[in-house]
Amino acid sequence: LPIPTAVPEKDLQVGMWSIALGRTFELDQPSISVGIVSALERIWGKAI
């Protein structure tokens, strides 16, 4: 199975593009929602 490439922790920055993807009914392409990284280390350091 194909394994994705992870972003190095040092490359994560507030303001960079973030694209939320999901696989629901269509198999040929994922659902797409676009935004930015609005904060790092939220929820007591656990989350982007």
ModelCIF file with pLDDT and N, C-alpha, C, O atoms, coordinates in Angstrom:
data_MODEL
#
_entry.id   MODEL 
#
_entity.id                         1 
_entity.type                       polymer 
_entity.pdbx_number_of_molecules   1 
#
_entity_poly.entity_id                      1 
_entity_poly.type                           'polypeptide(L)' 
_entity_poly.nstd_linkage                   no 
_entity_poly.nstd_monomer                   no 
_entity_poly.pdbx_seq_one_letter_code       LPIPTAVPEKDLQVGMWSIALGRTFELDQPSISVGIVSALERIWGKAI 
_entity_poly.pdbx_seq_one_letter_code_can   LPIPTAVPEKDLQVGMWSIALGRTFELDQPSISVGIVSALERIWGKAI 
_entity_poly.pdbx_strand_id                 A 
#
loop_
_entity_poly_seq.entity_id 
_entity_poly_seq.num 
_entity_poly_seq.mon_id 
_entity_poly_seq.hetero 
1 1  LEU n 
1 2  PRO n 
1 3  ILE n 
1 4  PRO n 
1 5  THR n 
1 6  ALA n 
1 7  VAL n 
1 8  PRO n 
1 9  GLU n 
1 10 LYS n 
1 11 ASP n 
1 12 LEU n 
1 13 GLN n 
1 14 VAL n 
1 15 GLY n 
1 16 MET n 
1 17 TRP n 
1 18 SER n 
1 19 ILE n 
1 20 ALA n 
1 21 LEU n 
1 22 GLY n 
1 23 ARG n 
1 24 THR n 
1 25 PHE n 
1 26 GLU n 
1 27 LEU n 
1 28 ASP n 
1 29 GLN n 
1 30 PRO n 
1 31 SER n 
1 32 ILE n 
1 33 SER n 
1 34 VAL n 
1 35 GLY n 
1 36 ILE n 
1 37 VAL n 
1 38 SER n 
1 39 ALA n 
1 40 LEU n 
1 41 GLU n 
1 42 ARG n 
1 43 ILE n 
1 44 TRP n 
1 45 GLY n 
1 46 LYS n 
1 47 ALA n 
1 48 ILE n 
#
_struct_asym.id          A 
_struct_asym.entity_id   1 
#
loop_
_ma_qa_metric.id 
_ma_qa_metric.mode 
_ma_qa_metric.name 
_ma_qa_metric.software_group_id 
_ma_qa_metric.type 
1 global pLDDT . pLDDT 
2 local  pLDDT . pLDDT 
#
_ma_qa_metric_global.metric_id      1 
_ma_qa_metric_global.metric_value   90.06 
_ma_qa_metric_global.model_id       1 
_ma_qa_metric_global.ordinal_id     1 
#
loop_
_ma_qa_metric_local.label_asym_id 
_ma_qa_metric_local.label_comp_id 
_ma_qa_metric_local.label_seq_id 
_ma_qa_metric_local.metric_id 
_ma_qa_metric_local.metric_value 
_ma_qa_metric_local.model_id 
_ma_qa_metric_local.ordinal_id 
A LEU 1  2 96.00 1 1  
A PRO 2  2 95.00 1 2  
A ILE 3  2 95.00 1 3  
A PRO 4  2 95.00 1 4  
A THR 5  2 93.00 1 5  
A ALA 6  2 94.00 1 6  
A VAL 7  2 93.00 1 7  
A PRO 8  2 92.00 1 8  
A GLU 9  2 89.00 1 9  
A LYS 10 2 91.00 1 10 
A ASP 11 2 92.00 1 11 
A LEU 12 2 93.00 1 12 
A GLN 13 2 93.00 1 13 
A VAL 14 2 94.00 1 14 
A GLY 15 2 91.00 1 15 
A MET 16 2 94.00 1 16 
A TRP 17 2 94.00 1 17 
A SER 18 2 95.00 1 18 
A ILE 19 2 95.00 1 19 
A ALA 20 2 94.00 1 20 
A LEU 21 2 94.00 1 21 
A GLY 22 2 92.00 1 22 
A ARG 23 2 87.00 1 23 
A THR 24 2 78.00 1 24 
A PHE 25 2 72.00 1 25 
A GLU 26 2 72.00 1 26 
A LEU 27 2 71.00 1 27 
A ASP 28 2 76.00 1 28 
A GLN 29 2 81.00 1 29 
A PRO 30 2 89.00 1 30 
A SER 31 2 87.00 1 31 
A ILE 32 2 90.00 1 32 
A SER 33 2 91.00 1 33 
A VAL 34 2 93.00 1 34 
A GLY 35 2 93.00 1 35 
A ILE 36 2 94.00 1 36 
A VAL 37 2 94.00 1 37 
A SER 38 2 93.00 1 38 
A ALA 39 2 92.00 1 39 
A LEU 40 2 93.00 1 40 
A GLU 41 2 90.00 1 41 
A ARG 42 2 90.00 1 42 
A ILE 43 2 89.00 1 43 
A TRP 44 2 87.00 1 44 
A GLY 45 2 88.00 1 45 
A LYS 46 2 91.00 1 46 
A ALA 47 2 93.00 1 47 
A ILE 48 2 95.00 1 48 
#
loop_
_atom_site.group_PDB 
_atom_site.id 
_atom_site.type_symbol 
_atom_site.label_atom_id 
_atom_site.label_alt_id 
_atom_site.label_comp_id 
_atom_site.label_asym_id 
_atom_site.label_entity_id 
_atom_site.label_seq_id 
_atom_site.pdbx_PDB_ins_code 
_atom_site.Cartn_x 
_atom_site.Cartn_y 
_atom_site.Cartn_z 
_atom_site.occupancy 
_atom_site.B_iso_or_equiv 
_atom_site.pdbx_formal_charge 
_atom_site.auth_seq_id 
_atom_site.auth_comp_id 
_atom_site.auth_asym_id 
_atom_site.auth_atom_id 
_atom_site.pdbx_PDB_model_num 
ATOM 1   N N  . LEU A 1 1  ? 0.840   -1.196 0.000  1.00 96.00 ? 1  LEU A N  1 
ATOM 2   C CA . LEU A 1 1  ? 0.000   0.000  0.000  1.00 96.00 ? 1  LEU A CA 1 
ATOM 3   C C  . LEU A 1 1  ? 0.878   1.251  0.000  1.00 96.00 ? 1  LEU A C  1 
ATOM 4   O O  . LEU A 1 1  ? 1.964   1.240  0.580  1.00 96.00 ? 1  LEU A O  1 
ATOM 5   N N  . PRO A 1 2  ? 0.423   2.326  -0.641 1.00 95.00 ? 2  PRO A N  1 
ATOM 6   C CA . PRO A 1 2  ? 1.226   3.553  -0.708 1.00 95.00 ? 2  PRO A CA 1 
ATOM 7   C C  . PRO A 1 2  ? 1.187   4.323  0.615  1.00 95.00 ? 2  PRO A C  1 
ATOM 8   O O  . PRO A 1 2  ? 0.120   4.517  1.198  1.00 95.00 ? 2  PRO A O  1 
ATOM 9   N N  . ILE A 1 3  ? 2.365   4.759  1.084  1.00 95.00 ? 3  ILE A N  1 
ATOM 10  C CA . ILE A 1 3  ? 2.475   5.510  2.330  1.00 95.00 ? 3  ILE A CA 1 
ATOM 11  C C  . ILE A 1 3  ? 2.740   6.974  1.997  1.00 95.00 ? 3  ILE A C  1 
ATOM 12  O O  . ILE A 1 3  ? 3.633   7.269  1.203  1.00 95.00 ? 3  ILE A O  1 
ATOM 13  N N  . PRO A 1 4  ? 1.984   7.892  2.586  1.00 95.00 ? 4  PRO A N  1 
ATOM 14  C CA . PRO A 1 4  ? 2.183   9.316  2.277  1.00 95.00 ? 4  PRO A CA 1 
ATOM 15  C C  . PRO A 1 4  ? 3.450   9.865  2.915  1.00 95.00 ? 4  PRO A C  1 
ATOM 16  O O  . PRO A 1 4  ? 3.998   9.279  3.849  1.00 95.00 ? 4  PRO A O  1 
ATOM 17  N N  . THR A 1 5  ? 3.904   10.995 2.397  1.00 93.00 ? 5  THR A N  1 
ATOM 18  C CA . THR A 1 5  ? 5.050   11.698 2.962  1.00 93.00 ? 5  THR A CA 1 
ATOM 19  C C  . THR A 1 5  ? 4.567   12.669 4.028  1.00 93.00 ? 5  THR A C  1 
ATOM 20  O O  . THR A 1 5  ? 3.654   13.461 3.791  1.00 93.00 ? 5  THR A O  1 
ATOM 21  N N  . ALA A 1 6  ? 5.188   12.604 5.209  1.00 94.00 ? 6  ALA A N  1 
ATOM 22  C CA . ALA A 1 6  ? 4.790   13.487 6.309  1.00 94.00 ? 6  ALA A CA 1 
ATOM 23  C C  . ALA A 1 6  ? 5.561   14.799 6.249  1.00 94.00 ? 6  ALA A C  1 
ATOM 24  O O  . ALA A 1 6  ? 6.716   14.833 5.823  1.00 94.00 ? 6  ALA A O  1 
ATOM 25  N N  . VAL A 1 7  ? 4.919   15.870 6.674  1.00 93.00 ? 7  VAL A N  1 
ATOM 26  C CA . VAL A 1 7  ? 5.564   17.171 6.765  1.00 93.00 ? 7  VAL A CA 1 
ATOM 27  C C  . VAL A 1 7  ? 6.475   17.178 7.997  1.00 93.00 ? 7  VAL A C  1 
ATOM 28  O O  . VAL A 1 7  ? 6.005   16.851 9.087  1.00 93.00 ? 7  VAL A O  1 
ATOM 29  N N  . PRO A 1 8  ? 7.741   17.531 7.870  1.00 92.00 ? 8  PRO A N  1 
ATOM 30  C CA . PRO A 1 8  ? 8.591   17.646 9.061  1.00 92.00 ? 8  PRO A CA 1 
ATOM 31  C C  . PRO A 1 8  ? 8.016   18.672 10.032 1.00 92.00 ? 8  PRO A C  1 
ATOM 32  O O  . PRO A 1 8  ? 7.456   19.691 9.628  1.00 92.00 ? 8  PRO A O  1 
ATOM 33  N N  . GLU A 1 9  ? 8.165   18.378 11.308 1.00 89.00 ? 9  GLU A N  1 
ATOM 34  C CA . GLU A 1 9  ? 7.594   19.260 12.327 1.00 89.00 ? 9  GLU A CA 1 
ATOM 35  C C  . GLU A 1 9  ? 8.088   20.692 12.188 1.00 89.00 ? 9  GLU A C  1 
ATOM 36  O O  . GLU A 1 9  ? 7.328   21.632 12.420 1.00 89.00 ? 9  GLU A O  1 
ATOM 37  N N  . LYS A 1 10 ? 9.347   20.871 11.813 1.00 91.00 ? 10 LYS A N  1 
ATOM 38  C CA . LYS A 1 10 ? 9.921   22.213 11.689 1.00 91.00 ? 10 LYS A CA 1 
ATOM 39  C C  . LYS A 1 10 ? 9.302   23.017 10.549 1.00 91.00 ? 10 LYS A C  1 
ATOM 40  O O  . LYS A 1 10 ? 9.407   24.244 10.532 1.00 91.00 ? 10 LYS A O  1 
ATOM 41  N N  . ASP A 1 11 ? 8.660   22.343 9.597  1.00 92.00 ? 11 ASP A N  1 
ATOM 42  C CA . ASP A 1 11 ? 8.070   23.034 8.449  1.00 92.00 ? 11 ASP A CA 1 
ATOM 43  C C  . ASP A 1 11 ? 6.651   23.535 8.714  1.00 92.00 ? 11 ASP A C  1 
ATOM 44  O O  . ASP A 1 11 ? 6.115   24.305 7.918  1.00 92.00 ? 11 ASP A O  1 
ATOM 45  N N  . LEU A 1 12 ? 6.035   23.110 9.822  1.00 93.00 ? 12 LEU A N  1 
ATOM 46  C CA . LEU A 1 12 ? 4.674   23.559 10.130 1.00 93.00 ? 12 LEU A CA 1 
ATOM 47  C C  . LEU A 1 12 ? 4.711   25.006 10.610 1.00 93.00 ? 12 LEU A C  1 
ATOM 48  O O  . LEU A 1 12 ? 5.455   25.346 11.530 1.00 93.00 ? 12 LEU A O  1 
ATOM 49  N N  . GLN A 1 13 ? 3.905   25.850 9.982  1.00 93.00 ? 13 GLN A N  1 
ATOM 50  C CA . GLN A 1 13 ? 3.872   27.262 10.336 1.00 93.00 ? 13 GLN A CA 1 
ATOM 51  C C  . GLN A 1 13 ? 2.435   27.773 10.293 1.00 93.00 ? 13 GLN A C  1 
ATOM 52  O O  . GLN A 1 13 ? 1.629   27.342 9.468  1.00 93.00 ? 13 GLN A O  1 
ATOM 53  N N  . VAL A 1 14 ? 2.138   28.689 11.189 1.00 94.00 ? 14 VAL A N  1 
ATOM 54  C CA . VAL A 1 14 ? 0.836   29.358 11.157 1.00 94.00 ? 14 VAL A CA 1 
ATOM 55  C C  . VAL A 1 14 ? 0.745   30.183 9.879  1.00 94.00 ? 14 VAL A C  1 
ATOM 56  O O  . VAL A 1 14 ? 1.685   30.895 9.526  1.00 94.00 ? 14 VAL A O  1 
ATOM 57  N N  . GLY A 1 15 ? -0.388  30.084 9.188  1.00 91.00 ? 15 GLY A N  1 
ATOM 58  C CA . GLY A 1 15 ? -0.609  30.845 7.961  1.00 91.00 ? 15 GLY A CA 1 
ATOM 59  C C  . GLY A 1 15 ? -0.408  30.048 6.702  1.00 91.00 ? 15 GLY A C  1 
ATOM 60  O O  . GLY A 1 15 ? -0.811  30.501 5.630  1.00 91.00 ? 15 GLY A O  1 
ATOM 61  N N  . MET A 1 16 ? 0.210   28.853 6.780  1.00 94.00 ? 16 MET A N  1 
ATOM 62  C CA . MET A 1 16 ? 0.410   28.044 5.580  1.00 94.00 ? 16 MET A CA 1 
ATOM 63  C C  . MET A 1 16 ? -0.908  27.385 5.169  1.00 94.00 ? 16 MET A C  1 
ATOM 64  O O  . MET A 1 16 ? -1.798  27.167 5.991  1.00 94.00 ? 16 MET A O  1 
ATOM 65  N N  . TRP A 1 17 ? -1.004  27.080 3.888  1.00 94.00 ? 17 TRP A N  1 
ATOM 66  C CA . TRP A 1 17 ? -2.215  26.440 3.388  1.00 94.00 ? 17 TRP A CA 1 
ATOM 67  C C  . TRP A 1 17 ? -2.437  25.098 4.069  1.00 94.00 ? 17 TRP A C  1 
ATOM 68  O O  . TRP A 1 17 ? -1.482  24.376 4.354  1.00 94.00 ? 17 TRP A O  1 
ATOM 69  N N  . SER A 1 18 ? -3.679  24.768 4.325  1.00 95.00 ? 18 SER A N  1 
ATOM 70  C CA . SER A 1 18 ? -4.042  23.452 4.847  1.00 95.00 ? 18 SER A CA 1 
ATOM 71  C C  . SER A 1 18 ? -5.244  22.946 4.065  1.00 95.00 ? 18 SER A C  1 
ATOM 72  O O  . SER A 1 18 ? -6.216  23.674 3.860  1.00 95.00 ? 18 SER A O  1 
ATOM 73  N N  . ILE A 1 19 ? -5.171  21.710 3.638  1.00 95.00 ? 19 ILE A N  1 
ATOM 74  C CA . ILE A 1 19 ? -6.231  21.118 2.813  1.00 95.00 ? 19 ILE A CA 1 
ATOM 75  C C  . ILE A 1 19 ? -6.744  19.871 3.529  1.00 95.00 ? 19 ILE A C  1 
ATOM 76  O O  . ILE A 1 19 ? -6.014  18.900 3.726  1.00 95.00 ? 19 ILE A O  1 
ATOM 77  N N  . ALA A 1 20 ? -8.015  19.925 3.913  1.00 94.00 ? 20 ALA A N  1 
ATOM 78  C CA . ALA A 1 20 ? -8.647  18.802 4.599  1.00 94.00 ? 20 ALA A CA 1 
ATOM 79  C C  . ALA A 1 20 ? -9.272  17.874 3.567  1.00 94.00 ? 20 ALA A C  1 
ATOM 80  O O  . ALA A 1 20 ? -10.064 18.306 2.730  1.00 94.00 ? 20 ALA A O  1 
ATOM 81  N N  . LEU A 1 21 ? -8.913  16.599 3.631  1.00 94.00 ? 21 LEU A N  1 
ATOM 82  C CA . LEU A 1 21 ? -9.386  15.630 2.647  1.00 94.00 ? 21 LEU A CA 1 
ATOM 83  C C  . LEU A 1 21 ? -10.156 14.509 3.330  1.00 94.00 ? 21 LEU A C  1 
ATOM 84  O O  . LEU A 1 21 ? -9.930  14.205 4.501  1.00 94.00 ? 21 LEU A O  1 
ATOM 85  N N  . GLY A 1 22 ? -11.059 13.906 2.587  1.00 92.00 ? 22 GLY A N  1 
ATOM 86  C CA . GLY A 1 22 ? -11.821 12.780 3.097  1.00 92.00 ? 22 GLY A CA 1 
ATOM 87  C C  . GLY A 1 22 ? -12.242 11.875 1.963  1.00 92.00 ? 22 GLY A C  1 
ATOM 88  O O  . GLY A 1 22 ? -12.282 12.286 0.803  1.00 92.00 ? 22 GLY A O  1 
ATOM 89  N N  . ARG A 1 23 ? -12.555 10.643 2.305  1.00 87.00 ? 23 ARG A N  1 
ATOM 90  C CA . ARG A 1 23 ? -12.995 9.675  1.291  1.00 87.00 ? 23 ARG A CA 1 
ATOM 91  C C  . ARG A 1 23 ? -14.390 9.226  1.679  1.00 87.00 ? 23 ARG A C  1 
ATOM 92  O O  . ARG A 1 23 ? -14.563 8.488  2.649  1.00 87.00 ? 23 ARG A O  1 
ATOM 93  N N  . THR A 1 24 ? -15.379 9.666  0.928  1.00 78.00 ? 24 THR A N  1 
ATOM 94  C CA . THR A 1 24 ? -16.750 9.304  1.277  1.00 78.00 ? 24 THR A CA 1 
ATOM 95  C C  . THR A 1 24 ? -17.379 8.440  0.184  1.00 78.00 ? 24 THR A C  1 
ATOM 96  O O  . THR A 1 24 ? -17.169 7.227  0.159  1.00 78.00 ? 24 THR A O  1 
ATOM 97  N N  . PHE A 1 25 ? -18.139 9.045  -0.709 1.00 72.00 ? 25 PHE A N  1 
ATOM 98  C CA . PHE A 1 25 ? -18.861 8.237  -1.692 1.00 72.00 ? 25 PHE A CA 1 
ATOM 99  C C  . PHE A 1 25 ? -18.079 8.051  -2.986 1.00 72.00 ? 25 PHE A C  1 
ATOM 100 O O  . PHE A 1 25 ? -18.205 7.013  -3.636 1.00 72.00 ? 25 PHE A O  1 
ATOM 101 N N  . GLU A 1 26 ? -17.278 9.033  -3.368 1.00 72.00 ? 26 GLU A N  1 
ATOM 102 C CA . GLU A 1 26 ? -16.517 8.932  -4.608 1.00 72.00 ? 26 GLU A CA 1 
ATOM 103 C C  . GLU A 1 26 ? -15.156 8.313  -4.326 1.00 72.00 ? 26 GLU A C  1 
ATOM 104 O O  . GLU A 1 26 ? -14.443 8.750  -3.423 1.00 72.00 ? 26 GLU A O  1 
ATOM 105 N N  . LEU A 1 27 ? -14.798 7.292  -5.106 1.00 71.00 ? 27 LEU A N  1 
ATOM 106 C CA . LEU A 1 27 ? -13.504 6.651  -4.921 1.00 71.00 ? 27 LEU A CA 1 
ATOM 107 C C  . LEU A 1 27 ? -12.421 7.281  -5.779 1.00 71.00 ? 27 LEU A C  1 
ATOM 108 O O  . LEU A 1 27 ? -11.239 7.190  -5.448 1.00 71.00 ? 27 LEU A O  1 
ATOM 109 N N  . ASP A 1 28 ? -12.814 7.926  -6.889 1.00 76.00 ? 28 ASP A N  1 
ATOM 110 C CA . ASP A 1 28 ? -11.798 8.438  -7.800 1.00 76.00 ? 28 ASP A CA 1 
ATOM 111 C C  . ASP A 1 28 ? -11.131 9.707  -7.284 1.00 76.00 ? 28 ASP A C  1 
ATOM 112 O O  . ASP A 1 28 ? -9.996  10.004 -7.660 1.00 76.00 ? 28 ASP A O  1 
ATOM 113 N N  . GLN A 1 29 ? -11.819 10.459 -6.430 1.00 81.00 ? 29 GLN A N  1 
ATOM 114 C CA . GLN A 1 29 ? -11.201 11.666 -5.890 1.00 81.00 ? 29 GLN A CA 1 
ATOM 115 C C  . GLN A 1 29 ? -11.762 11.951 -4.493 1.00 81.00 ? 29 GLN A C  1 
ATOM 116 O O  . GLN A 1 29 ? -12.921 11.647 -4.209 1.00 81.00 ? 29 GLN A O  1 
ATOM 117 N N  . PRO A 1 30 ? -10.936 12.534 -3.630 1.00 89.00 ? 30 PRO A N  1 
ATOM 118 C CA . PRO A 1 30 ? -11.385 12.810 -2.264 1.00 89.00 ? 30 PRO A CA 1 
ATOM 119 C C  . PRO A 1 30 ? -12.184 14.101 -2.188 1.00 89.00 ? 30 PRO A C  1 
ATOM 120 O O  . PRO A 1 30 ? -12.131 14.930 -3.097 1.00 89.00 ? 30 PRO A O  1 
ATOM 121 N N  . SER A 1 31 ? -12.925 14.265 -1.096 1.00 87.00 ? 31 SER A N  1 
ATOM 122 C CA . SER A 1 31 ? -13.555 15.555 -0.812 1.00 87.00 ? 31 SER A CA 1 
ATOM 123 C C  . SER A 1 31 ? -12.462 16.532 -0.380 1.00 87.00 ? 31 SER A C  1 
ATOM 124 O O  . SER A 1 31 ? -11.477 16.129 0.239  1.00 87.00 ? 31 SER A O  1 
ATOM 125 N N  . ILE A 1 32 ? -12.636 17.818 -0.705 1.00 90.00 ? 32 ILE A N  1 
ATOM 126 C CA . ILE A 1 32 ? -11.598 18.817 -0.445 1.00 90.00 ? 32 ILE A CA 1 
ATOM 127 C C  . ILE A 1 32 ? -12.202 20.012 0.273  1.00 90.00 ? 32 ILE A C  1 
ATOM 128 O O  . ILE A 1 32 ? -13.241 20.532 -0.135 1.00 90.00 ? 32 ILE A O  1 
ATOM 129 N N  . SER A 1 33 ? -11.550 20.444 1.343  1.00 91.00 ? 33 SER A N  1 
ATOM 130 C CA . SER A 1 33 ? -11.894 21.689 2.031  1.00 91.00 ? 33 SER A CA 1 
ATOM 131 C C  . SER A 1 33 ? -10.583 22.426 2.299  1.00 91.00 ? 33 SER A C  1 
ATOM 132 O O  . SER A 1 33 ? -9.643  21.859 2.857  1.00 91.00 ? 33 SER A O  1 
ATOM 133 N N  . VAL A 1 34 ? -10.533 23.693 1.897  1.00 93.00 ? 34 VAL A N  1 
ATOM 134 C CA . VAL A 1 34 ? -9.277  24.436 1.933  1.00 93.00 ? 34 VAL A CA 1 
ATOM 135 C C  . VAL A 1 34 ? -9.322  25.513 3.010  1.00 93.00 ? 34 VAL A C  1 
ATOM 136 O O  . VAL A 1 34 ? -10.350 26.162 3.206  1.00 93.00 ? 34 VAL A O  1 
ATOM 137 N N  . GLY A 1 35 ? -8.215  25.699 3.700  1.00 93.00 ? 35 GLY A N  1 
ATOM 138 C CA . GLY A 1 35 ? -8.081  26.770 4.684  1.00 93.00 ? 35 GLY A CA 1 
ATOM 139 C C  . GLY A 1 35 ? -6.615  27.041 4.942  1.00 93.00 ? 35 GLY A C  1 
ATOM 140 O O  . GLY A 1 35 ? -5.760  26.765 4.100  1.00 93.00 ? 35 GLY A O  1 
ATOM 141 N N  . ILE A 1 36 ? -6.336  27.577 6.103  1.00 94.00 ? 36 ILE A N  1 
ATOM 142 C CA . ILE A 1 36 ? -4.957  27.792 6.515  1.00 94.00 ? 36 ILE A CA 1 
ATOM 143 C C  . ILE A 1 36 ? -4.744  27.185 7.902  1.00 94.00 ? 36 ILE A C  1 
ATOM 144 O O  . ILE A 1 36 ? -5.704  26.886 8.612  1.00 94.00 ? 36 ILE A O  1 
ATOM 145 N N  . VAL A 1 37 ? -3.501  27.010 8.272  1.00 94.00 ? 37 VAL A N  1 
ATOM 146 C CA . VAL A 1 37 ? -3.173  26.634 9.645  1.00 94.00 ? 37 VAL A CA 1 
ATOM 147 C C  . VAL A 1 37 ? -3.334  27.882 10.494 1.00 94.00 ? 37 VAL A C  1 
ATOM 148 O O  . VAL A 1 37 ? -2.582  28.844 10.337 1.00 94.00 ? 37 VAL A O  1 
ATOM 149 N N  . SER A 1 38 ? -4.307  27.872 11.389 1.00 93.00 ? 38 SER A N  1 
ATOM 150 C CA . SER A 1 38 ? -4.596  29.066 12.191 1.00 93.00 ? 38 SER A CA 1 
ATOM 151 C C  . SER A 1 38 ? -3.892  29.056 13.540 1.00 93.00 ? 38 SER A C  1 
ATOM 152 O O  . SER A 1 38 ? -3.806  30.101 14.185 1.00 93.00 ? 38 SER A O  1 
ATOM 153 N N  . ALA A 1 39 ? -3.386  27.914 13.986 1.00 92.00 ? 39 ALA A N  1 
ATOM 154 C CA . ALA A 1 39 ? -2.640  27.855 15.249 1.00 92.00 ? 39 ALA A CA 1 
ATOM 155 C C  . ALA A 1 39 ? -1.943  26.502 15.348 1.00 92.00 ? 39 ALA A C  1 
ATOM 156 O O  . ALA A 1 39 ? -2.364  25.518 14.740 1.00 92.00 ? 39 ALA A O  1 
ATOM 157 N N  . LEU A 1 40 ? -0.872  26.482 16.126 1.00 93.00 ? 40 LEU A N  1 
ATOM 158 C CA . LEU A 1 40 ? -0.155  25.243 16.410 1.00 93.00 ? 40 LEU A CA 1 
ATOM 159 C C  . LEU A 1 40 ? -0.211  24.953 17.912 1.00 93.00 ? 40 LEU A C  1 
ATOM 160 O O  . LEU A 1 40 ? -0.442  25.853 18.719 1.00 93.00 ? 40 LEU A O  1 
ATOM 161 N N  . GLU A 1 41 ? 0.002   23.701 18.271 1.00 90.00 ? 41 GLU A N  1 
ATOM 162 C CA . GLU A 1 41 ? 0.025   23.267 19.669 1.00 90.00 ? 41 GLU A CA 1 
ATOM 163 C C  . GLU A 1 41 ? -1.242  23.661 20.424 1.00 90.00 ? 41 GLU A C  1 
ATOM 164 O O  . GLU A 1 41 ? -1.186  24.060 21.587 1.00 90.00 ? 41 GLU A O  1 
ATOM 165 N N  . ARG A 1 42 ? -2.387  23.542 19.745 1.00 90.00 ? 42 ARG A N  1 
ATOM 166 C CA . ARG A 1 42 ? -3.658  23.777 20.416 1.00 90.00 ? 42 ARG A CA 1 
ATOM 167 C C  . ARG A 1 42 ? -4.080  22.533 21.204 1.00 90.00 ? 42 ARG A C  1 
ATOM 168 O O  . ARG A 1 42 ? -3.452  21.477 21.113 1.00 90.00 ? 42 ARG A O  1 
ATOM 169 N N  . ILE A 1 43 ? -5.157  22.685 21.977 1.00 89.00 ? 43 ILE A N  1 
ATOM 170 C CA . ILE A 1 43 ? -5.671  21.604 22.829 1.00 89.00 ? 43 ILE A CA 1 
ATOM 171 C C  . ILE A 1 43 ? -4.527  21.056 23.679 1.00 89.00 ? 43 ILE A C  1 
ATOM 172 O O  . ILE A 1 43 ? -4.224  19.863 23.682 1.00 89.00 ? 43 ILE A O  1 
ATOM 173 N N  . TRP A 1 44 ? -3.900  22.004 24.410 1.00 87.00 ? 44 TRP A N  1 
ATOM 174 C CA . TRP A 1 44 ? -2.829  21.659 25.336 1.00 87.00 ? 44 TRP A CA 1 
ATOM 175 C C  . TRP A 1 44 ? -1.684  20.933 24.648 1.00 87.00 ? 44 TRP A C  1 
ATOM 176 O O  . TRP A 1 44 ? -1.179  19.915 25.121 1.00 87.00 ? 44 TRP A O  1 
ATOM 177 N N  . GLY A 1 45 ? -1.294  21.505 23.502 1.00 88.00 ? 45 GLY A N  1 
ATOM 178 C CA . GLY A 1 45 ? -0.105  21.024 22.808 1.00 88.00 ? 45 GLY A CA 1 
ATOM 179 C C  . GLY A 1 45 ? -0.322  19.828 21.912 1.00 88.00 ? 45 GLY A C  1 
ATOM 180 O O  . GLY A 1 45 ? 0.642   19.303 21.355 1.00 88.00 ? 45 GLY A O  1 
ATOM 181 N N  . LYS A 1 46 ? -1.568  19.373 21.750 1.00 91.00 ? 46 LYS A N  1 
ATOM 182 C CA . LYS A 1 46 ? -1.807  18.126 21.021 1.00 91.00 ? 46 LYS A CA 1 
ATOM 183 C C  . LYS A 1 46 ? -2.139  18.317 19.547 1.00 91.00 ? 46 LYS A C  1 
ATOM 184 O O  . LYS A 1 46 ? -2.008  17.365 18.777 1.00 91.00 ? 46 LYS A O  1 
ATOM 185 N N  . ALA A 1 47 ? -2.564  19.510 19.118 1.00 93.00 ? 47 ALA A N  1 
ATOM 186 C CA . ALA A 1 47 ? -3.204  19.585 17.807 1.00 93.00 ? 47 ALA A CA 1 
ATOM 187 C C  . ALA A 1 47 ? -2.807  20.810 16.997 1.00 93.00 ? 47 ALA A C  1 
ATOM 188 O O  . ALA A 1 47 ? -2.438  21.855 17.532 1.00 93.00 ? 47 ALA A O  1 
ATOM 189 N N  . ILE A 1 48 ? -2.899  20.633 15.674 1.00 95.00 ? 48 ILE A N  1 
ATOM 190 C CA . ILE A 1 48 ? -2.858  21.733 14.712 1.00 95.00 ? 48 ILE A CA 1 
ATOM 191 C C  . ILE A 1 48 ? -4.283  22.241 14.568 1.00 95.00 ? 48 ILE A C  1 
ATOM 192 O O  . ILE A 1 48 ? -4.531  23.177 13.808 1.00 95.00 ? 48 ILE A O  1 
#
